[in-house]
Amino acid sequence: MAHESLKVNSLVKPRRDTFKSPKPDAPRVLAYDILSEVNRRGGYSNLLLPQALTASNLEDRDKGFATELVYGTLRMQGRHDYILSQVSDRPWDEVDEGIVDVCRLGVHQLFEMRVATHAAVSATVELARKVLGESKASFVNALLRKVSAQSLELWLEPVEILTDPVEKLAIKYSHPQWIVSAYFDLLKDYGAVERELAANNVPARPTLVSWPGSSTQEDLVGLGAEATRFSPFGAVFEGSPGSLDLIRHRKAGVQDEGSQLVAYVFSLFASESKTVLDICAGPGGKAALLAHIARRDNQIFTANEFSEARAKLVKNVVGNFEVITGDARKISESGKTFDAILADVPCTGLGALRRRPEVRWRRTLQDLRELTQLQGEISDGAISVLNPGGIFGYATCSPHFAETSTQTLIILKNHPDLEQLNVAEHLPVSLVGATRGKSMSLWTSEHGTDSMFLSIFKKKG
């Protein structure tokens, strides 16, 4: 009978493996592609994501999901890495880059989005199967199951008892330690630092800007936007700016309120000037507003931009005013001089971390050293073509002491023919707590804007 049994069993076909090809959902695939491009190849999320979404066939709901997943993961990936390093059996900085990015997307869904635990894990594993292969997907599955076994609060309990406040805040709010230290150097209070770090993790709402002569703040409000608190040109809009005719027809733009304030306050100091130069004009936000103000006030406006591609963007928004393509440090070679010059210099961008989430991971102290040298050279170039009695505005989208207060002191030291004016003379009355010495210094947590800085100088003459 045993022999017969063997014969019968030998006729039974072996059961086939129930392998199914991976079928990840399109929003997560798109999110992974953007995250990889940003983290591994130096791409910029604010440029790549809108292009990818426009080219996709995703419904609006899925576009919103992908947007939140990309920007949110980039902001919080430092904290995600801290958690994942606790469950990985190998050092996290030695783990395959693809695994790292997929796991970051998974952890973000687990702890920062309205995604059920099972769905967050299973959908992310499907993504891993597609983009990484079965073996790596198994590792992703093991990691995410360990992470999902505890709440975020439990994972962060060891962080709360750290004695070094910089290390604690860096992990808790997902910022590099050098940025946390830089905030403390300025604010001198860890409570204020914590508020600023938290503000950097709140997505910025789209802010529109009206351009004098083409549109008004009232026009924007009439479209359902909410007037900005400080800028007389702006309005916060909850929808897609690209859906508005005013934006499509270049009668208004999209610009953070802090940037609007830099251009507005500078224009007030330069109101008596005949010729106005924006020496670092790309991509054109401030240039557009300044050009429209200049046209209204019968001033001659000129823009300078080093990059030809960015110069074209500037030309699109300044109308028939001249756009020079050249090195700001060598602006004297143009043979022109000006009554008012704004230098919104290249900087670390630490003032716009809520808007450009990858910047916090991309910038280093070495970048800071190189940028501060460039900032000084651009300032020297601008001042060399400033007419006697002229106005010079130095601006950055960074609160860092080395890029702001220190540069202001260096400008005064190197150019004794300049005097610093008190920017408070032309700040909106409602804008409180926005000065550092004689300069304007905005804070995201306090003013709801990017953390812009502006110093104003006048050339003796």
Protein backbone atom coordinates (compact mmCIF):
# COMPACT_ATOMS: atom_id res chain seq x y z
CA MET A 1 0.00 0.00 0.00
CA ALA A 2 2.84 2.32 0.71
CA HIS A 3 4.14 1.65 -2.78
CA GLU A 4 0.74 2.46 -4.30
CA SER A 5 0.58 5.66 -2.29
CA LEU A 6 3.90 6.77 -3.66
CA LYS A 7 2.71 6.10 -7.18
CA VAL A 8 -0.43 8.13 -6.67
CA ASN A 9 1.46 11.00 -5.11
CA SER A 10 3.93 11.00 -7.97
CA LEU A 11 1.09 11.76 -10.34
CA VAL A 12 0.09 14.91 -8.42
CA LYS A 13 1.53 18.05 -10.04
CA PRO A 14 3.72 20.12 -7.70
CA ARG A 15 2.02 23.30 -6.53
CA ARG A 16 3.25 26.36 -8.37
CA ASP A 17 4.63 29.34 -6.52
CA THR A 18 1.89 31.93 -6.09
CA PHE A 19 4.22 34.79 -7.10
CA LYS A 20 2.45 37.92 -8.23
CA SER A 21 4.16 40.80 -9.98
CA PRO A 22 4.35 43.95 -7.85
CA LYS A 23 1.64 46.53 -8.45
CA PRO A 24 2.51 49.64 -6.47
CA ASP A 25 0.16 52.59 -6.78
CA ALA A 26 1.18 55.45 -9.04
CA PRO A 27 1.38 58.25 -6.41
CA ARG A 28 3.95 56.33 -4.35
CA VAL A 29 6.02 55.46 -7.42
CA LEU A 30 6.05 59.12 -8.43
CA ALA A 31 7.01 60.13 -4.88
CA TYR A 32 9.89 57.66 -4.84
CA ASP A 33 11.17 58.86 -8.21
CA ILE A 34 11.20 62.49 -7.04
CA LEU A 35 12.75 61.62 -3.67
CA SER A 36 15.54 59.68 -5.38
CA GLU A 37 16.19 62.49 -7.84
CA VAL A 38 16.43 65.03 -5.02
CA ASN A 39 18.44 62.98 -2.53
CA ARG A 40 20.75 61.15 -4.93
CA ARG A 41 21.18 63.42 -7.94
CA GLY A 42 20.84 66.93 -6.53
CA GLY A 43 17.42 67.74 -7.98
CA TYR A 44 15.07 70.38 -6.53
CA SER A 45 11.69 69.18 -5.32
CA ASN A 46 9.93 72.49 -6.00
CA LEU A 47 10.87 72.18 -9.68
CA LEU A 48 10.65 68.41 -10.23
CA LEU A 49 7.40 67.64 -8.42
CA PRO A 50 5.13 70.16 -10.22
CA GLN A 51 6.54 69.01 -13.57
CA ALA A 52 5.94 65.35 -12.72
CA LEU A 53 2.42 66.00 -11.46
CA THR A 54 1.53 67.99 -14.59
CA ALA A 55 2.80 65.20 -16.82
CA SER A 56 0.95 62.51 -14.85
CA ASN A 57 -2.60 61.25 -15.18
CA LEU A 58 -3.18 61.35 -11.44
CA GLU A 59 -6.45 62.63 -10.03
CA ASP A 60 -6.31 65.69 -7.78
CA ARG A 61 -6.61 63.59 -4.63
CA ASP A 62 -3.62 61.46 -5.63
CA LYS A 63 -1.63 64.55 -6.60
CA GLY A 64 -2.26 65.94 -3.13
CA PHE A 65 -1.15 62.67 -1.55
CA ALA A 66 2.08 62.59 -3.59
CA THR A 67 2.81 66.23 -2.78
CA GLU A 68 2.39 65.72 0.96
CA LEU A 69 4.45 62.53 0.83
CA VAL A 70 7.38 64.08 -1.08
CA TYR A 71 7.70 67.38 0.76
CA GLY A 72 6.89 65.86 4.14
CA THR A 73 9.39 63.02 3.78
CA LEU A 74 12.13 65.43 2.75
CA ARG A 75 11.45 67.61 5.78
CA MET A 76 11.31 64.80 8.30
CA GLN A 77 13.78 62.29 6.89
CA GLY A 78 16.36 63.10 9.56
CA ARG A 79 13.95 61.97 12.27
CA HIS A 80 12.84 59.02 10.14
CA ASP A 81 16.50 57.96 9.85
CA TYR A 82 16.90 58.17 13.62
CA ILE A 83 14.01 55.73 14.09
CA LEU A 84 15.07 53.39 11.30
CA SER A 85 18.62 53.22 12.63
CA GLN A 86 17.18 51.74 15.83
CA VAL A 87 15.73 48.73 14.01
CA SER A 88 18.34 48.12 11.30
CA ASP A 89 20.80 45.29 11.92
CA ARG A 90 23.47 47.20 10.02
CA PRO A 91 24.62 50.82 10.32
CA TRP A 92 22.00 52.99 8.65
CA ASP A 93 24.58 55.00 6.70
CA GLU A 94 25.76 51.76 5.08
CA VAL A 95 22.31 50.61 3.93
CA ASP A 96 21.45 50.69 0.21
CA GLU A 97 20.28 54.18 -0.82
CA GLY A 98 17.12 52.84 -2.45
CA ILE A 99 16.14 50.99 0.72
CA VAL A 100 16.76 54.15 2.75
CA ASP A 101 14.49 56.30 0.58
CA VAL A 102 11.69 53.72 0.38
CA CYS A 103 11.78 53.25 4.16
CA ARG A 104 11.66 57.00 4.71
CA LEU A 105 8.50 57.14 2.62
CA GLY A 106 7.04 54.29 4.68
CA VAL A 107 7.85 55.83 8.06
CA HIS A 108 6.40 59.14 6.94
CA GLN A 109 3.10 57.46 6.13
CA LEU A 110 3.14 55.63 9.47
CA PHE A 111 3.69 58.67 11.67
CA GLU A 112 2.94 61.85 9.71
CA MET A 113 0.02 61.05 7.40
CA ARG A 114 -3.51 59.74 7.64
CA VAL A 115 -2.59 56.27 6.39
CA ALA A 116 -3.58 53.11 8.27
CA THR A 117 -0.63 51.12 9.62
CA HIS A 118 -1.30 48.03 7.51
CA ALA A 119 -1.75 50.08 4.35
CA ALA A 120 1.40 52.12 4.99
CA VAL A 121 3.50 48.98 5.35
CA SER A 122 1.97 46.86 2.60
CA ALA A 123 1.86 49.66 0.01
CA THR A 124 5.46 50.62 0.72
CA VAL A 125 6.61 47.00 0.42
CA GLU A 126 4.83 46.79 -2.96
CA LEU A 127 6.73 49.89 -3.99
CA ALA A 128 10.00 48.28 -2.85
CA ARG A 129 9.26 45.11 -4.81
CA LYS A 130 8.82 47.20 -7.96
CA VAL A 131 11.79 49.59 -7.64
CA LEU A 132 14.26 47.49 -5.59
CA GLY A 133 13.45 43.83 -6.17
CA GLU A 134 12.17 41.02 -3.94
CA SER A 135 15.22 40.57 -1.72
CA LYS A 136 15.48 44.23 -0.74
CA ALA A 137 11.72 44.45 -0.39
CA SER A 138 11.88 41.72 2.26
CA PHE A 139 14.34 43.83 4.23
CA VAL A 140 12.06 46.87 3.86
CA ASN A 141 9.14 44.78 5.11
CA ALA A 142 11.07 43.64 8.19
CA LEU A 143 12.18 47.18 9.03
CA LEU A 144 8.76 48.76 8.66
CA ARG A 145 7.06 46.06 10.71
CA LYS A 146 9.49 46.72 13.56
CA VAL A 147 8.94 50.47 13.27
CA SER A 148 5.14 50.12 13.19
CA ALA A 149 5.19 48.03 16.39
CA GLN A 150 5.59 51.25 18.44
CA SER A 151 4.04 54.70 18.38
CA LEU A 152 6.06 57.77 17.42
CA GLU A 153 5.94 58.92 21.04
CA LEU A 154 7.60 55.71 22.20
CA TRP A 155 10.31 55.96 19.56
CA LEU A 156 11.09 59.50 20.67
CA GLU A 157 11.11 58.82 24.41
CA PRO A 158 14.92 58.37 24.49
CA VAL A 159 15.30 61.70 22.68
CA GLU A 160 13.41 63.59 25.38
CA ILE A 161 15.96 62.63 28.03
CA LEU A 162 19.02 63.70 26.03
CA THR A 163 21.02 66.31 27.94
CA ASP A 164 22.33 68.15 24.87
CA PRO A 165 19.53 70.50 23.76
CA VAL A 166 21.01 70.88 20.27
CA GLU A 167 21.06 67.12 19.67
CA LYS A 168 17.57 66.75 21.13
CA LEU A 169 16.02 69.46 18.97
CA ALA A 170 17.89 68.30 15.88
CA ILE A 171 16.34 64.82 16.11
CA LYS A 172 12.92 65.91 17.31
CA TYR A 173 12.42 68.53 14.59
CA SER A 174 14.54 66.90 11.88
CA HIS A 175 17.22 69.55 11.31
CA PRO A 176 21.02 69.21 11.12
CA GLN A 177 22.69 70.18 14.39
CA TRP A 178 24.64 73.06 12.84
CA ILE A 179 21.39 74.78 11.85
CA VAL A 180 19.96 74.36 15.36
CA SER A 181 23.15 75.88 16.78
CA ALA A 182 22.92 78.78 14.32
CA TYR A 183 19.38 79.56 15.47
CA PHE A 184 20.48 79.53 19.10
CA ASP A 185 23.36 81.91 18.36
CA LEU A 186 20.76 84.39 17.16
CA LEU A 187 17.81 83.78 19.45
CA LYS A 188 19.68 82.92 22.69
CA ASP A 189 16.66 80.95 23.87
CA TYR A 190 15.93 77.27 23.19
CA GLY A 191 12.19 77.85 23.46
CA ALA A 192 12.38 80.36 20.60
CA VAL A 193 14.63 77.99 18.65
CA GLU A 194 12.09 75.20 19.09
CA ARG A 195 9.28 77.41 17.80
CA GLU A 196 11.31 78.29 14.71
CA LEU A 197 12.20 74.66 14.01
CA ALA A 198 8.56 73.65 14.36
CA ALA A 199 7.51 76.44 11.98
CA ASN A 200 9.96 75.16 9.38
CA ASN A 201 8.06 71.85 9.34
CA VAL A 202 4.68 73.42 8.55
CA PRO A 203 4.08 73.62 4.78
CA ALA A 204 3.81 77.17 3.47
CA ARG A 205 0.50 78.15 1.91
CA PRO A 206 0.70 79.66 -1.60
CA THR A 207 1.00 83.45 -1.41
CA LEU A 208 0.06 85.61 -4.38
CA VAL A 209 1.47 89.05 -5.18
CA SER A 210 -0.30 91.77 -7.13
CA TRP A 211 1.81 93.89 -9.45
CA PRO A 212 1.04 97.64 -9.44
CA GLY A 213 -0.44 98.73 -12.75
CA SER A 214 -1.48 95.18 -13.60
CA SER A 215 -3.44 94.05 -10.54
CA THR A 216 -4.23 94.98 -6.95
CA GLN A 217 -4.50 93.21 -3.62
CA GLU A 218 -8.25 93.77 -3.87
CA ASP A 219 -8.28 91.84 -7.15
CA LEU A 220 -6.68 88.87 -5.39
CA VAL A 221 -9.11 89.05 -2.47
CA GLY A 222 -11.94 89.11 -4.99
CA LEU A 223 -10.76 85.73 -6.22
CA GLY A 224 -11.17 84.25 -2.75
CA ALA A 225 -7.68 84.88 -1.39
CA GLU A 226 -7.01 86.32 2.07
CA ALA A 227 -5.06 89.60 2.26
CA THR A 228 -1.57 89.28 3.74
CA ARG A 229 -0.98 90.79 7.18
CA PHE A 230 1.91 93.08 6.29
CA SER A 231 2.40 93.39 2.55
CA PRO A 232 -0.01 95.73 0.70
CA PHE A 233 0.41 93.60 -2.42
CA GLY A 234 -0.15 90.04 -1.23
CA ALA A 235 -2.88 87.51 -0.52
CA VAL A 236 -2.84 83.89 0.67
CA PHE A 237 -4.62 81.50 -1.68
CA GLU A 238 -5.68 77.96 -0.80
CA GLY A 239 -6.15 76.76 -4.36
CA SER A 240 -3.76 76.26 -7.26
CA PRO A 241 -2.29 79.61 -8.35
CA GLY A 242 -1.90 78.28 -11.89
CA SER A 243 -5.68 78.10 -12.18
CA LEU A 244 -6.02 81.90 -11.99
CA ASP A 245 -6.14 84.05 -15.11
CA LEU A 246 -4.17 86.82 -13.38
CA ILE A 247 -1.29 84.41 -12.88
CA ARG A 248 -1.48 82.82 -16.32
CA HIS A 249 -1.55 86.22 -18.04
CA ARG A 250 1.34 87.54 -15.91
CA LYS A 251 -0.66 90.27 -14.22
CA ALA A 252 0.19 88.87 -10.77
CA GLY A 253 2.66 86.35 -9.40
CA VAL A 254 3.41 83.89 -6.62
CA GLN A 255 5.77 85.26 -3.96
CA ASP A 256 6.26 84.77 -0.23
CA GLU A 257 5.16 87.73 1.86
CA GLY A 258 8.67 88.11 3.29
CA SER A 259 10.12 88.57 -0.19
CA GLN A 260 7.37 91.05 -0.99
CA LEU A 261 8.33 93.04 2.10
CA VAL A 262 12.00 93.16 1.08
CA ALA A 263 11.09 94.63 -2.32
CA TYR A 264 8.43 96.95 -0.86
CA VAL A 265 10.55 98.38 1.96
CA PHE A 266 13.53 98.84 -0.37
CA SER A 267 11.29 100.65 -2.88
CA LEU A 268 10.16 103.09 -0.17
CA PHE A 269 13.76 104.01 0.61
CA ALA A 270 14.44 104.28 -3.13
CA SER A 271 11.33 106.32 -3.93
CA GLU A 272 13.38 109.43 -4.89
CA SER A 273 15.74 107.45 -7.12
CA LYS A 274 15.65 107.80 -10.90
CA THR A 275 17.51 104.58 -11.74
CA VAL A 276 17.00 101.29 -9.87
CA LEU A 277 19.00 98.04 -10.21
CA ASP A 278 18.15 94.55 -8.97
CA ILE A 279 21.66 93.08 -9.19
CA CYS A 280 20.79 89.41 -8.40
CA ALA A 281 17.40 89.32 -10.08
CA GLY A 282 16.75 85.65 -10.87
CA PRO A 283 14.35 83.95 -10.85
CA GLY A 284 12.44 87.23 -10.88
CA GLY A 285 10.06 87.51 -7.93
CA LYS A 286 11.44 90.72 -6.44
CA ALA A 287 12.39 92.03 -9.88
CA ALA A 288 8.79 91.74 -11.06
CA LEU A 289 7.44 93.72 -8.11
CA LEU A 290 10.21 96.33 -8.28
CA ALA A 291 9.76 96.74 -12.04
CA HIS A 292 6.03 97.39 -11.68
CA ILE A 293 6.64 99.86 -8.85
CA ALA A 294 9.31 101.59 -10.97
CA ARG A 295 6.96 101.87 -13.94
CA ARG A 296 4.28 103.35 -11.68
CA ASP A 297 6.75 105.87 -10.23
CA ASN A 298 8.41 106.77 -13.57
CA GLN A 299 11.72 105.19 -12.62
CA ILE A 300 14.13 103.39 -14.92
CA PHE A 301 14.54 99.80 -13.75
CA THR A 302 17.36 97.41 -14.69
CA ALA A 303 17.84 93.77 -13.72
CA ASN A 304 21.10 91.81 -13.68
CA GLU A 305 21.29 88.02 -13.54
CA PHE A 306 24.31 85.73 -13.92
CA SER A 307 22.44 82.72 -15.34
CA GLU A 308 21.11 83.05 -18.89
CA ALA A 309 18.22 80.69 -18.15
CA ARG A 310 17.19 82.67 -15.08
CA ALA A 311 17.68 85.95 -16.97
CA LYS A 312 15.03 84.77 -19.43
CA LEU A 313 12.64 84.18 -16.53
CA VAL A 314 13.34 87.70 -15.30
CA LYS A 315 12.73 89.16 -18.76
CA ASN A 316 9.32 87.50 -18.83
CA VAL A 317 8.14 89.53 -15.83
CA VAL A 318 9.85 92.95 -16.14
CA GLY A 319 8.44 93.92 -19.52
CA ASN A 320 10.50 96.30 -21.63
CA PHE A 321 13.03 97.12 -18.90
CA GLU A 322 16.62 96.06 -19.56
CA VAL A 323 17.94 92.73 -18.29
CA ILE A 324 21.73 92.37 -18.16
CA THR A 325 23.23 88.88 -18.15
CA GLY A 326 26.48 89.07 -16.21
CA ASP A 327 28.48 88.54 -13.03
CA ALA A 328 27.22 90.88 -10.31
CA ARG A 329 30.78 91.20 -9.01
CA LYS A 330 31.78 92.76 -12.34
CA ILE A 331 28.75 94.99 -12.82
CA SER A 332 31.06 98.00 -13.29
CA GLU A 333 31.97 96.55 -16.72
CA SER A 334 28.46 97.50 -17.86
CA GLY A 335 29.51 101.15 -17.71
CA LYS A 336 26.31 102.06 -15.89
CA THR A 337 25.70 103.63 -12.49
CA PHE A 338 22.51 103.64 -10.43
CA ASP A 339 20.70 105.65 -7.78
CA ALA A 340 19.37 102.58 -5.93
CA ILE A 341 20.59 98.98 -5.92
CA LEU A 342 19.09 95.89 -4.27
CA ALA A 343 21.42 92.91 -3.76
CA ASP A 344 19.34 89.90 -2.76
CA VAL A 345 22.48 87.79 -2.58
CA PRO A 346 22.88 84.02 -2.99
CA CYS A 347 22.70 82.46 0.49
CA THR A 348 22.16 79.21 2.36
CA GLY A 349 18.38 79.62 2.10
CA LEU A 350 17.88 78.76 5.77
CA GLY A 351 15.04 81.26 5.90
CA ALA A 352 12.90 79.22 3.51
CA LEU A 353 13.25 75.69 4.88
CA ARG A 354 9.48 75.15 4.99
CA ARG A 355 9.34 75.96 1.28
CA ARG A 356 12.53 74.15 0.15
CA PRO A 357 12.70 71.10 2.42
CA GLU A 358 15.85 69.50 0.98
CA VAL A 359 17.98 72.60 1.63
CA ARG A 360 18.41 71.68 5.29
CA TRP A 361 20.18 68.46 4.30
CA ARG A 362 22.09 69.88 1.36
CA ARG A 363 23.77 72.92 2.91
CA THR A 364 26.94 72.63 5.02
CA LEU A 365 29.21 74.91 7.01
CA GLN A 366 31.62 74.83 4.06
CA ASP A 367 28.84 76.24 1.86
CA LEU A 368 28.40 79.01 4.41
CA ARG A 369 32.05 80.01 4.20
CA GLU A 370 31.98 80.12 0.40
CA LEU A 371 28.69 82.00 0.27
CA THR A 372 29.70 84.70 2.73
CA GLN A 373 32.75 85.45 0.58
CA LEU A 374 30.54 85.69 -2.51
CA GLN A 375 28.07 87.91 -0.66
CA GLY A 376 30.84 90.35 0.23
CA GLU A 377 32.14 90.44 -3.33
CA ILE A 378 28.67 91.10 -4.76
CA SER A 379 28.11 93.90 -2.25
CA ASP A 380 31.44 95.47 -3.23
CA GLY A 381 30.50 95.23 -6.90
CA ALA A 382 27.12 96.86 -6.31
CA ILE A 383 28.49 99.69 -4.21
CA SER A 384 31.10 100.45 -6.91
CA VAL A 385 28.31 101.52 -9.31
CA LEU A 386 26.14 103.30 -6.72
CA ASN A 387 25.81 107.02 -7.31
CA PRO A 388 26.59 109.49 -4.48
CA GLY A 389 23.50 109.86 -2.31
CA GLY A 390 22.29 106.49 -3.59
CA ILE A 391 20.50 103.69 -1.69
CA PHE A 392 21.93 100.18 -1.31
CA GLY A 393 19.82 97.31 0.00
CA TYR A 394 21.48 94.08 1.18
CA ALA A 395 19.05 91.16 1.51
CA THR A 396 19.19 87.43 2.21
CA CYS A 397 16.70 84.62 2.64
CA SER A 398 18.63 83.48 5.70
CA PRO A 399 18.72 84.57 9.34
CA HIS A 400 22.24 83.17 9.87
CA PHE A 401 24.42 85.66 11.74
CA ALA A 402 27.32 85.29 9.29
CA GLU A 403 25.09 86.08 6.30
CA THR A 404 23.24 88.97 7.90
CA SER A 405 24.54 91.01 10.84
CA THR A 406 28.18 90.16 10.15
CA GLN A 407 27.87 91.13 6.49
CA THR A 408 26.24 94.42 7.50
CA LEU A 409 29.24 95.24 9.72
CA ILE A 410 31.71 94.24 6.98
CA ILE A 411 29.95 96.48 4.45
CA LEU A 412 30.19 99.44 6.82
CA LYS A 413 33.86 98.69 7.57
CA ASN A 414 34.86 98.30 3.92
CA HIS A 415 32.84 101.26 2.70
CA PRO A 416 33.19 104.23 5.07
CA ASP A 417 31.30 106.34 2.52
CA LEU A 418 28.14 104.42 3.47
CA GLU A 419 25.85 105.00 6.44
CA GLN A 420 23.26 102.50 7.58
CA LEU A 421 19.68 103.74 7.65
CA ASN A 422 17.11 102.54 10.16
CA VAL A 423 14.80 100.19 8.28
CA ALA A 424 12.11 100.69 10.96
CA GLU A 425 11.28 104.03 9.30
CA HIS A 426 9.41 102.21 6.54
CA LEU A 427 8.20 98.99 8.16
CA PRO A 428 4.43 98.45 8.38
CA VAL A 429 3.12 99.55 11.78
CA SER A 430 1.66 96.09 12.42
CA LEU A 431 5.02 94.38 11.79
CA VAL A 432 6.42 94.03 15.32
CA GLY A 433 9.47 92.11 16.49
CA ALA A 434 10.97 92.32 13.01
CA THR A 435 14.15 94.29 13.58
CA ARG A 436 17.71 93.38 14.48
CA GLY A 437 19.57 96.59 15.18
CA LYS A 438 18.73 98.87 12.24
CA SER A 439 17.92 95.94 9.93
CA MET A 440 14.72 94.05 9.16
CA SER A 441 14.84 90.45 10.38
CA LEU A 442 11.71 88.36 9.83
CA TRP A 443 11.04 85.03 11.56
CA THR A 444 8.81 82.29 10.21
CA SER A 445 7.38 81.39 13.62
CA GLU A 446 6.64 85.01 14.49
CA HIS A 447 5.54 86.55 11.19
CA GLY A 448 4.40 83.60 9.06
CA THR A 449 6.84 84.56 6.31
CA ASP A 450 10.18 83.27 5.12
CA SER A 451 12.94 84.52 7.47
CA MET A 452 14.13 87.38 5.26
CA PHE A 453 16.77 89.94 6.25
CA LEU A 454 17.28 93.46 4.87
CA SER A 455 19.81 96.20 5.63
CA ILE A 456 19.58 99.62 3.97
CA PHE A 457 22.56 101.92 3.38
CA LYS A 458 22.99 105.39 1.88
CA LYS A 459 26.10 106.53 0.06
CA LYS A 460 27.36 109.85 1.29
CA GLY A 461 27.57 112.44 -1.38
